Amino acid sequence: MESHRRTANDVSATNRNLAGFTDPVSRLNGHRPNAMDSTSFHAASQRILDTINTVIDGKSDAAKLALTVLLAQGHLLLEDVPGVGKTLLAKTLARTIDCTVNRIQFTPDLLPSDVTGVSIYNQSSRLFEFRPGAVFANIVIGDEINRASAKTQSALLECMEEHQVTVDGKSYRLDEPFMVVATQNPIEMEGTYPLPEAQRDRFMARISMGYPDKDSEIEMLETHQATSPLAKVSAVVSTADVAAMIAMVQQVYVSQAVKEYTVSVGRATRESPLLRLGASPRSMLQLLRAAKATAALDGRDFVLPDDVVDVAEAVLAHRIILDRKAAGAGETPHSVLRGILSRLPVTHRPADAGNKASAGTGRNTRVAGLSRNH
């Protein structure tokens, strides 16, 4: 277990709240964080992406999706073969923000208490004192999460969904913003414990890094030989900035037409004969949150169906299970989702989308219920 910069292991840390249930984010601005204005939002997000792209060569799409998940208040699963930069991406994202960061190396002997914390008896005070585990940080990097036992993996369920830890009947709030970035290797399966559906469903999105192209790999050989570019990365935004960016994403307008389109995507996966398990209702919430963050990063204060389509594969592919016949025929979760999205009609409600978006922002917005091919 390794920590970076301002660690989160001290119970008296500034963002810690073990005694009560006050939202830790509220302390950043005295009450609730104010939404960041669009100009500052664009500048802050660009600083984060530029910094990540100086370390991870040729993976700008993965960097943007990682930031999208952070701003959508989700958790990220990085799944790919060894050596393609999964942990490096997680560490770089964490270092761009001046926040508490803990890294956990998952191993078969890791215990749930190592993750969540444990109550220890203090002989001098004759009381049990709670010692927080590694999960008490703004960003928690879980390296090779599928190498820990199912019991240890399940320790993250409450943390990821409710942003709290319950130990010995007492609940402790986690720092806000809170994000788990986990990595796993899908190839080497010996000695691993595959994530069950309930655990995978807690992750908003899954990214497969893939190999870099030729030019990016040559650039990596030139810049990564002496020292890692990660050593030169410093924070470009504060925790308060991230909280304000999240508050802005929450205010992005979603028309009724886009909501109906999002639901229709989920229902189509449940009705598809190619799938044994379709998308859950939780995934629909997370799909819309990711679409709102995508719209904000693209400079809009309203969601288009394009935004839903852009993140649909990353948000849904790891949650659905193929039918055996479809898998035998060469289908993949990604190919099934692409087929559904290509056939699914988009509901048109220009009056509803346009009027509400314009009324809410004072801008001349183009209709949020337009077709993907507008």
Protein backbone atom coordinates (compact mmCIF):
# COMPACT_ATOMS: atom_id res chain seq x y z
CA MET A 1 0.00 0.00 0.00
CA GLU A 2 1.52 3.28 -1.06
CA SER A 3 0.44 6.88 -0.63
CA HIS A 4 1.29 10.05 -2.57
CA ARG A 5 1.67 13.65 -1.42
CA ARG A 6 -0.91 14.53 1.20
CA THR A 7 -1.84 11.15 2.62
CA ALA A 8 -5.19 10.11 4.03
CA ASN A 9 -4.08 7.86 6.86
CA ASP A 10 -4.32 10.46 9.64
CA VAL A 11 -7.73 10.52 11.31
CA SER A 12 -7.34 14.24 11.96
CA ALA A 13 -6.67 15.13 8.30
CA THR A 14 -8.44 18.24 7.06
CA ASN A 15 -10.91 16.37 4.89
CA ARG A 16 -11.59 13.64 7.43
CA ASN A 17 -15.03 13.25 8.94
CA LEU A 18 -15.17 10.16 11.14
CA ALA A 19 -17.39 11.49 13.89
CA GLY A 20 -20.40 12.77 11.99
CA PHE A 21 -22.15 12.66 8.64
CA THR A 22 -21.58 16.20 7.41
CA ASP A 23 -20.74 16.17 3.73
CA PRO A 24 -16.96 16.79 3.54
CA VAL A 25 -17.40 18.70 0.27
CA SER A 26 -19.44 21.32 2.13
CA ARG A 27 -16.35 22.42 4.03
CA LEU A 28 -14.63 23.49 0.84
CA ASN A 29 -16.83 26.56 0.43
CA GLY A 30 -18.42 26.88 3.83
CA HIS A 31 -21.57 25.13 2.59
CA ARG A 32 -21.95 23.50 -0.81
CA PRO A 33 -19.40 24.08 -3.59
CA ASN A 34 -20.43 26.69 -6.12
CA ALA A 35 -20.51 25.57 -9.74
CA MET A 36 -17.51 26.67 -11.76
CA ASP A 37 -18.16 29.00 -14.68
CA SER A 38 -17.73 27.60 -18.17
CA THR A 39 -14.49 29.49 -18.94
CA SER A 40 -12.76 28.30 -15.79
CA PHE A 41 -14.15 24.79 -16.31
CA HIS A 42 -12.68 24.58 -19.81
CA ALA A 43 -9.31 25.91 -18.63
CA ALA A 44 -9.13 23.51 -15.67
CA SER A 45 -10.15 20.45 -17.69
CA GLN A 46 -7.66 21.34 -20.41
CA ARG A 47 -4.85 21.63 -17.86
CA ILE A 48 -5.68 18.16 -16.53
CA LEU A 49 -5.85 16.58 -19.99
CA ASP A 50 -2.68 18.30 -21.20
CA THR A 51 -0.80 17.05 -18.15
CA ILE A 52 -2.03 13.48 -18.59
CA ASN A 53 -1.13 13.52 -22.29
CA THR A 54 2.47 14.50 -21.49
CA VAL A 55 2.82 11.22 -19.60
CA ILE A 56 0.54 8.82 -21.52
CA ASP A 57 1.49 8.95 -25.20
CA GLY A 58 -1.23 8.50 -27.81
CA LYS A 59 -4.09 7.84 -25.39
CA SER A 60 -5.98 11.13 -25.36
CA ASP A 61 -9.36 9.34 -25.58
CA ALA A 62 -8.57 7.26 -22.49
CA ALA A 63 -7.45 10.40 -20.63
CA LYS A 64 -10.67 12.22 -21.50
CA LEU A 65 -12.82 9.28 -20.44
CA ALA A 66 -10.96 9.02 -17.12
CA LEU A 67 -11.64 12.72 -16.47
CA THR A 68 -15.25 12.23 -17.54
CA VAL A 69 -15.72 9.53 -14.90
CA LEU A 70 -14.14 11.72 -12.22
CA LEU A 71 -16.44 14.65 -13.02
CA ALA A 72 -19.46 12.32 -13.19
CA GLN A 73 -18.67 11.05 -9.66
CA GLY A 74 -18.09 7.52 -10.85
CA HIS A 75 -15.40 4.86 -10.54
CA LEU A 76 -13.09 3.63 -13.28
CA LEU A 77 -11.94 0.12 -14.21
CA LEU A 78 -8.79 -0.09 -16.35
CA GLU A 79 -8.62 -3.53 -17.95
CA ASP A 80 -5.92 -4.60 -20.36
CA VAL A 81 -2.74 -6.62 -20.82
CA PRO A 82 0.35 -5.78 -18.75
CA GLY A 83 2.60 -2.90 -19.67
CA VAL A 84 0.21 -0.64 -21.59
CA GLY A 85 -0.02 2.10 -18.95
CA LYS A 86 -3.05 1.23 -16.81
CA THR A 87 -1.48 2.08 -13.46
CA LEU A 88 0.42 5.00 -15.00
CA LEU A 89 -2.84 6.56 -16.19
CA ALA A 90 -4.38 6.15 -12.74
CA LYS A 91 -1.36 7.68 -11.00
CA THR A 92 -1.15 10.57 -13.46
CA LEU A 93 -4.82 11.47 -13.04
CA ALA A 94 -4.38 11.39 -9.27
CA ARG A 95 -1.30 13.61 -9.34
CA THR A 96 -2.95 16.31 -11.43
CA ILE A 97 -5.23 17.04 -8.46
CA ASP A 98 -4.05 18.40 -5.11
CA CYS A 99 -5.91 15.81 -3.07
CA THR A 100 -5.36 12.76 -0.90
CA VAL A 101 -4.30 9.68 -2.84
CA ASN A 102 -3.75 6.10 -1.67
CA ARG A 103 -2.62 3.15 -3.73
CA ILE A 104 -3.47 -0.43 -2.75
CA GLN A 105 -1.65 -3.38 -4.27
CA PHE A 106 -4.26 -6.13 -4.21
CA THR A 107 -2.87 -9.55 -3.32
CA PRO A 108 -4.49 -12.82 -2.21
CA ASP A 109 -3.53 -12.19 1.43
CA LEU A 110 -4.99 -8.66 1.55
CA LEU A 111 -7.71 -8.40 4.23
CA PRO A 112 -10.91 -6.32 4.11
CA SER A 113 -9.69 -4.39 7.17
CA ASP A 114 -6.60 -3.32 5.20
CA VAL A 115 -8.96 -1.55 2.83
CA THR A 116 -11.66 -0.17 5.12
CA GLY A 117 -9.89 0.15 8.48
CA VAL A 118 -10.14 -1.56 11.84
CA SER A 119 -11.04 -0.77 15.44
CA ILE A 120 -8.07 -1.19 17.81
CA TYR A 121 -8.29 -1.32 21.59
CA ASN A 122 -6.39 1.48 23.32
CA GLN A 123 -5.25 0.26 26.70
CA SER A 124 -4.58 3.74 28.07
CA SER A 125 -8.06 5.05 27.30
CA ARG A 126 -9.72 1.62 27.54
CA LEU A 127 -11.67 2.41 24.39
CA PHE A 128 -11.70 1.08 20.86
CA GLU A 129 -10.29 3.55 18.36
CA PHE A 130 -10.94 3.41 14.65
CA ARG A 131 -7.88 3.39 12.43
CA PRO A 132 -8.94 4.28 8.86
CA GLY A 133 -7.79 2.06 6.03
CA ALA A 134 -6.44 2.94 2.63
CA VAL A 135 -9.88 3.69 1.21
CA PHE A 136 -9.97 6.98 3.14
CA ALA A 137 -8.67 9.21 0.36
CA ASN A 138 -10.06 11.30 -2.48
CA ILE A 139 -8.63 8.97 -5.11
CA VAL A 140 -7.97 5.30 -4.34
CA ILE A 141 -5.89 3.34 -6.85
CA GLY A 142 -6.56 -0.39 -6.64
CA ASP A 143 -3.82 -2.14 -8.58
CA GLU A 144 -4.66 -5.62 -9.91
CA ILE A 145 -7.97 -5.71 -8.06
CA ASN A 146 -8.80 -9.22 -9.26
CA ARG A 147 -5.83 -10.69 -7.35
CA ALA A 148 -7.59 -10.18 -4.00
CA SER A 149 -10.16 -12.61 -2.64
CA ALA A 150 -13.87 -12.06 -3.16
CA LYS A 151 -14.18 -11.15 0.53
CA THR A 152 -11.68 -8.31 0.15
CA GLN A 153 -13.22 -7.17 -3.13
CA SER A 154 -16.62 -6.95 -1.44
CA ALA A 155 -15.17 -4.52 1.11
CA LEU A 156 -15.29 -1.92 -1.66
CA LEU A 157 -19.01 -2.34 -2.39
CA GLU A 158 -20.29 0.01 0.32
CA CYS A 159 -17.40 2.42 -0.22
CA MET A 160 -18.08 2.81 -3.93
CA GLU A 161 -21.86 3.04 -3.75
CA GLU A 162 -22.53 4.96 -0.53
CA HIS A 163 -19.19 6.72 0.02
CA GLN A 164 -18.98 5.44 3.56
CA VAL A 165 -17.45 2.62 5.59
CA THR A 166 -19.23 0.69 8.33
CA VAL A 167 -17.01 -0.97 10.95
CA ASP A 168 -18.32 -2.47 14.20
CA GLY A 169 -21.74 -0.93 13.64
CA LYS A 170 -20.43 2.62 13.11
CA SER A 171 -20.43 4.41 9.77
CA TYR A 172 -17.67 6.76 8.67
CA ARG A 173 -17.98 9.10 5.72
CA LEU A 174 -15.30 9.06 3.04
CA ASP A 175 -13.63 12.13 1.62
CA GLU A 176 -15.31 13.98 -1.22
CA PRO A 177 -14.77 13.94 -4.11
CA PHE A 178 -14.16 10.19 -3.96
CA MET A 179 -13.10 7.94 -6.83
CA VAL A 180 -11.79 4.39 -7.11
CA VAL A 181 -9.52 3.67 -10.08
CA ALA A 182 -8.91 -0.07 -10.33
CA THR A 183 -6.75 -2.03 -12.75
CA GLN A 184 -6.89 -5.66 -13.73
CA ASN A 185 -5.24 -7.99 -16.22
CA PRO A 186 -7.80 -10.10 -18.14
CA ILE A 187 -5.19 -12.40 -19.69
CA GLU A 188 -3.26 -13.94 -16.81
CA MET A 189 -6.06 -15.55 -14.82
CA GLU A 190 -4.06 -17.96 -12.61
CA GLY A 191 -4.39 -17.02 -8.96
CA THR A 192 -7.03 -14.37 -9.63
CA TYR A 193 -10.63 -13.89 -8.52
CA PRO A 194 -12.74 -12.49 -11.40
CA LEU A 195 -14.91 -9.55 -10.40
CA PRO A 196 -18.54 -10.65 -9.96
CA GLU A 197 -21.34 -8.80 -11.72
CA ALA A 198 -22.26 -6.85 -8.56
CA GLN A 199 -18.70 -5.53 -8.29
CA ARG A 200 -18.37 -4.65 -11.98
CA ASP A 201 -21.68 -2.80 -11.85
CA ARG A 202 -20.17 -0.37 -9.31
CA PHE A 203 -17.69 0.88 -11.91
CA MET A 204 -19.11 3.63 -14.08
CA ALA A 205 -16.83 2.86 -17.02
CA ARG A 206 -14.22 0.38 -18.19
CA ILE A 207 -11.29 1.36 -20.36
CA SER A 208 -9.07 -0.92 -22.39
CA MET A 209 -5.89 1.02 -23.06
CA GLY A 210 -4.65 -0.95 -26.06
CA TYR A 211 -1.20 -0.73 -27.59
CA PRO A 212 0.07 2.71 -28.70
CA ASP A 213 0.58 3.43 -32.38
CA LYS A 214 4.07 3.43 -33.89
CA ASP A 215 4.74 7.16 -33.52
CA SER A 216 3.53 7.21 -29.91
CA GLU A 217 5.67 4.21 -29.04
CA ILE A 218 8.75 5.87 -30.56
CA GLU A 219 7.96 9.03 -28.58
CA MET A 220 7.72 6.92 -25.44
CA LEU A 221 11.16 5.42 -26.08
CA GLU A 222 12.63 8.91 -26.43
CA THR A 223 11.00 10.47 -23.35
CA HIS A 224 10.74 7.63 -20.82
CA GLN A 225 14.32 6.32 -20.81
CA ALA A 226 16.10 8.38 -18.15
CA THR A 227 13.17 9.19 -15.87
CA SER A 228 9.43 8.72 -15.97
CA PRO A 229 7.49 11.86 -16.96
CA LEU A 230 5.27 11.07 -13.97
CA ALA A 231 8.04 12.34 -11.68
CA LYS A 232 7.62 15.83 -13.16
CA VAL A 233 3.82 15.93 -12.78
CA SER A 234 2.46 18.34 -10.21
CA ALA A 235 -1.09 19.28 -9.27
CA VAL A 236 -2.78 21.63 -11.74
CA VAL A 237 -6.15 21.88 -9.93
CA SER A 238 -7.20 21.78 -6.29
CA THR A 239 -9.76 19.60 -4.57
CA ALA A 240 -12.03 22.66 -4.38
CA ASP A 241 -11.67 23.13 -8.14
CA VAL A 242 -12.74 19.54 -8.79
CA ALA A 243 -15.72 19.95 -6.46
CA ALA A 244 -16.75 23.09 -8.36
CA MET A 245 -16.33 21.29 -11.70
CA ILE A 246 -18.51 18.43 -10.46
CA ALA A 247 -21.13 20.97 -9.34
CA MET A 248 -21.15 22.45 -12.84
CA VAL A 249 -21.60 19.03 -14.44
CA GLN A 250 -24.58 18.41 -12.16
CA GLN A 251 -26.25 21.52 -13.59
CA VAL A 252 -25.99 20.38 -17.23
CA TYR A 253 -29.50 20.26 -18.68
CA VAL A 254 -31.01 16.97 -19.86
CA SER A 255 -34.18 17.09 -21.95
CA GLN A 256 -37.01 14.60 -21.64
CA ALA A 257 -36.16 13.28 -25.10
CA VAL A 258 -32.60 12.45 -24.08
CA LYS A 259 -33.84 10.75 -20.90
CA GLU A 260 -36.21 8.62 -22.97
CA TYR A 261 -33.41 7.78 -25.40
CA THR A 262 -31.12 6.73 -22.53
CA VAL A 263 -33.80 4.45 -21.08
CA SER A 264 -34.50 2.96 -24.48
CA VAL A 265 -30.82 2.01 -24.80
CA GLY A 266 -30.97 0.13 -21.49
CA ARG A 267 -34.24 -1.61 -22.32
CA ALA A 268 -32.91 -2.65 -25.72
CA THR A 269 -30.02 -4.48 -24.04
CA ARG A 270 -32.43 -6.35 -21.77
CA GLU A 271 -34.58 -7.38 -24.73
CA SER A 272 -31.73 -8.37 -27.04
CA PRO A 273 -31.64 -12.11 -27.85
CA LEU A 274 -27.84 -11.85 -28.03
CA LEU A 275 -27.54 -10.99 -24.34
CA ARG A 276 -28.07 -13.10 -21.26
CA LEU A 277 -27.88 -10.08 -18.95
CA GLY A 278 -28.75 -6.53 -19.98
CA ALA A 279 -27.88 -3.16 -18.46
CA SER A 280 -29.05 -2.47 -14.92
CA PRO A 281 -31.09 0.57 -13.82
CA ARG A 282 -27.97 1.77 -11.98
CA SER A 283 -26.11 1.77 -15.28
CA MET A 284 -28.74 4.10 -16.78
CA LEU A 285 -28.08 6.64 -14.02
CA GLN A 286 -24.37 6.38 -14.58
CA LEU A 287 -24.74 6.54 -18.36
CA LEU A 288 -26.61 9.84 -18.07
CA ARG A 289 -24.11 11.25 -15.57
CA ALA A 290 -21.25 10.37 -17.91
CA ALA A 291 -23.13 11.97 -20.82
CA LYS A 292 -23.54 15.17 -18.79
CA ALA A 293 -19.81 15.26 -18.05
CA THR A 294 -19.08 14.64 -21.73
CA ALA A 295 -21.31 17.55 -22.72
CA ALA A 296 -19.59 19.84 -20.22
CA LEU A 297 -16.13 18.85 -21.49
CA ASP A 298 -17.31 19.59 -25.03
CA GLY A 299 -18.35 23.10 -23.94
CA ARG A 300 -22.12 22.59 -23.79
CA ASP A 301 -24.57 23.04 -20.92
CA PHE A 302 -27.05 20.52 -22.33
CA VAL A 303 -26.86 16.87 -23.35
CA LEU A 304 -27.23 15.56 -26.89
CA PRO A 305 -27.93 11.94 -27.84
CA ASP A 306 -24.38 12.00 -29.25
CA ASP A 307 -23.07 12.32 -25.70
CA VAL A 308 -24.98 9.21 -24.64
CA VAL A 309 -23.64 7.31 -27.67
CA ASP A 310 -20.07 8.48 -27.05
CA VAL A 311 -19.90 6.90 -23.59
CA ALA A 312 -22.37 4.02 -24.03
CA GLU A 313 -19.79 1.33 -24.80
CA ALA A 314 -17.44 2.34 -21.98
CA VAL A 315 -20.31 2.49 -19.47
CA LEU A 316 -22.32 -0.57 -20.53
CA ALA A 317 -20.00 -3.14 -22.13
CA HIS A 318 -18.62 -4.50 -18.85
CA ARG A 319 -22.11 -4.83 -17.34
CA ILE A 320 -23.79 -6.99 -19.98
CA ILE A 321 -23.27 -10.73 -20.50
CA LEU A 322 -23.43 -12.39 -23.91
CA ASP A 323 -25.64 -15.34 -24.68
CA ARG A 324 -23.53 -18.44 -25.26
CA LYS A 325 -24.65 -18.81 -28.86
CA ALA A 326 -23.82 -15.16 -29.57
CA ALA A 327 -20.38 -15.57 -27.99
CA GLY A 328 -19.80 -18.69 -30.05
CA ALA A 329 -20.77 -16.78 -33.18
CA GLY A 330 -18.05 -14.21 -32.52
CA GLU A 331 -20.15 -11.43 -31.02
CA THR A 332 -18.72 -9.23 -28.29
CA PRO A 333 -20.43 -6.86 -25.84
CA HIS A 334 -19.08 -3.96 -27.88
CA SER A 335 -20.41 -5.29 -31.19
CA VAL A 336 -23.85 -5.93 -29.68
CA LEU A 337 -23.98 -2.40 -28.25
CA ARG A 338 -22.91 -0.88 -31.57
CA GLY A 339 -25.70 -2.78 -33.29
CA ILE A 340 -28.28 -1.59 -30.77
CA LEU A 341 -27.15 2.04 -31.03
CA SER A 342 -27.19 1.94 -34.84
CA ARG A 343 -30.77 0.63 -34.94
CA LEU A 344 -32.26 2.60 -32.08
CA PRO A 345 -34.38 5.57 -33.19
CA VAL A 346 -33.93 8.92 -31.49
CA THR A 347 -37.02 10.64 -30.11
CA HIS A 348 -37.57 14.16 -31.43
CA ARG A 349 -38.90 16.75 -29.00
CA PRO A 350 -37.47 20.02 -30.24
CA ALA A 351 -39.91 22.27 -28.41
CA ASP A 352 -39.34 20.62 -25.04
CA ALA A 353 -35.56 20.39 -25.36
CA GLY A 354 -34.92 23.75 -26.94
CA ASN A 355 -37.21 25.87 -24.79
CA LYS A 356 -36.08 24.43 -21.46
CA ALA A 357 -32.41 24.50 -22.37
CA SER A 358 -32.64 28.11 -23.50
CA ALA A 359 -34.66 29.11 -20.47
CA GLY A 360 -32.21 27.47 -18.13
CA THR A 361 -29.05 28.97 -19.63
CA GLY A 362 -30.04 32.06 -21.56
CA ARG A 363 -28.18 30.74 -24.58
CA ASN A 364 -29.26 29.93 -28.10
CA THR A 365 -28.83 26.18 -27.76
CA ARG A 366 -29.42 23.73 -30.54
CA VAL A 367 -32.10 21.19 -29.77
CA ALA A 368 -30.98 18.49 -27.34
CA GLY A 369 -33.40 16.00 -28.84
CA LEU A 370 -31.90 16.02 -32.31
CA SER A 371 -30.77 12.90 -34.08
CA ARG A 372 -27.20 11.67 -33.64
CA ASN A 373 -26.61 12.58 -37.27
CA HIS A 374 -27.68 16.20 -36.86
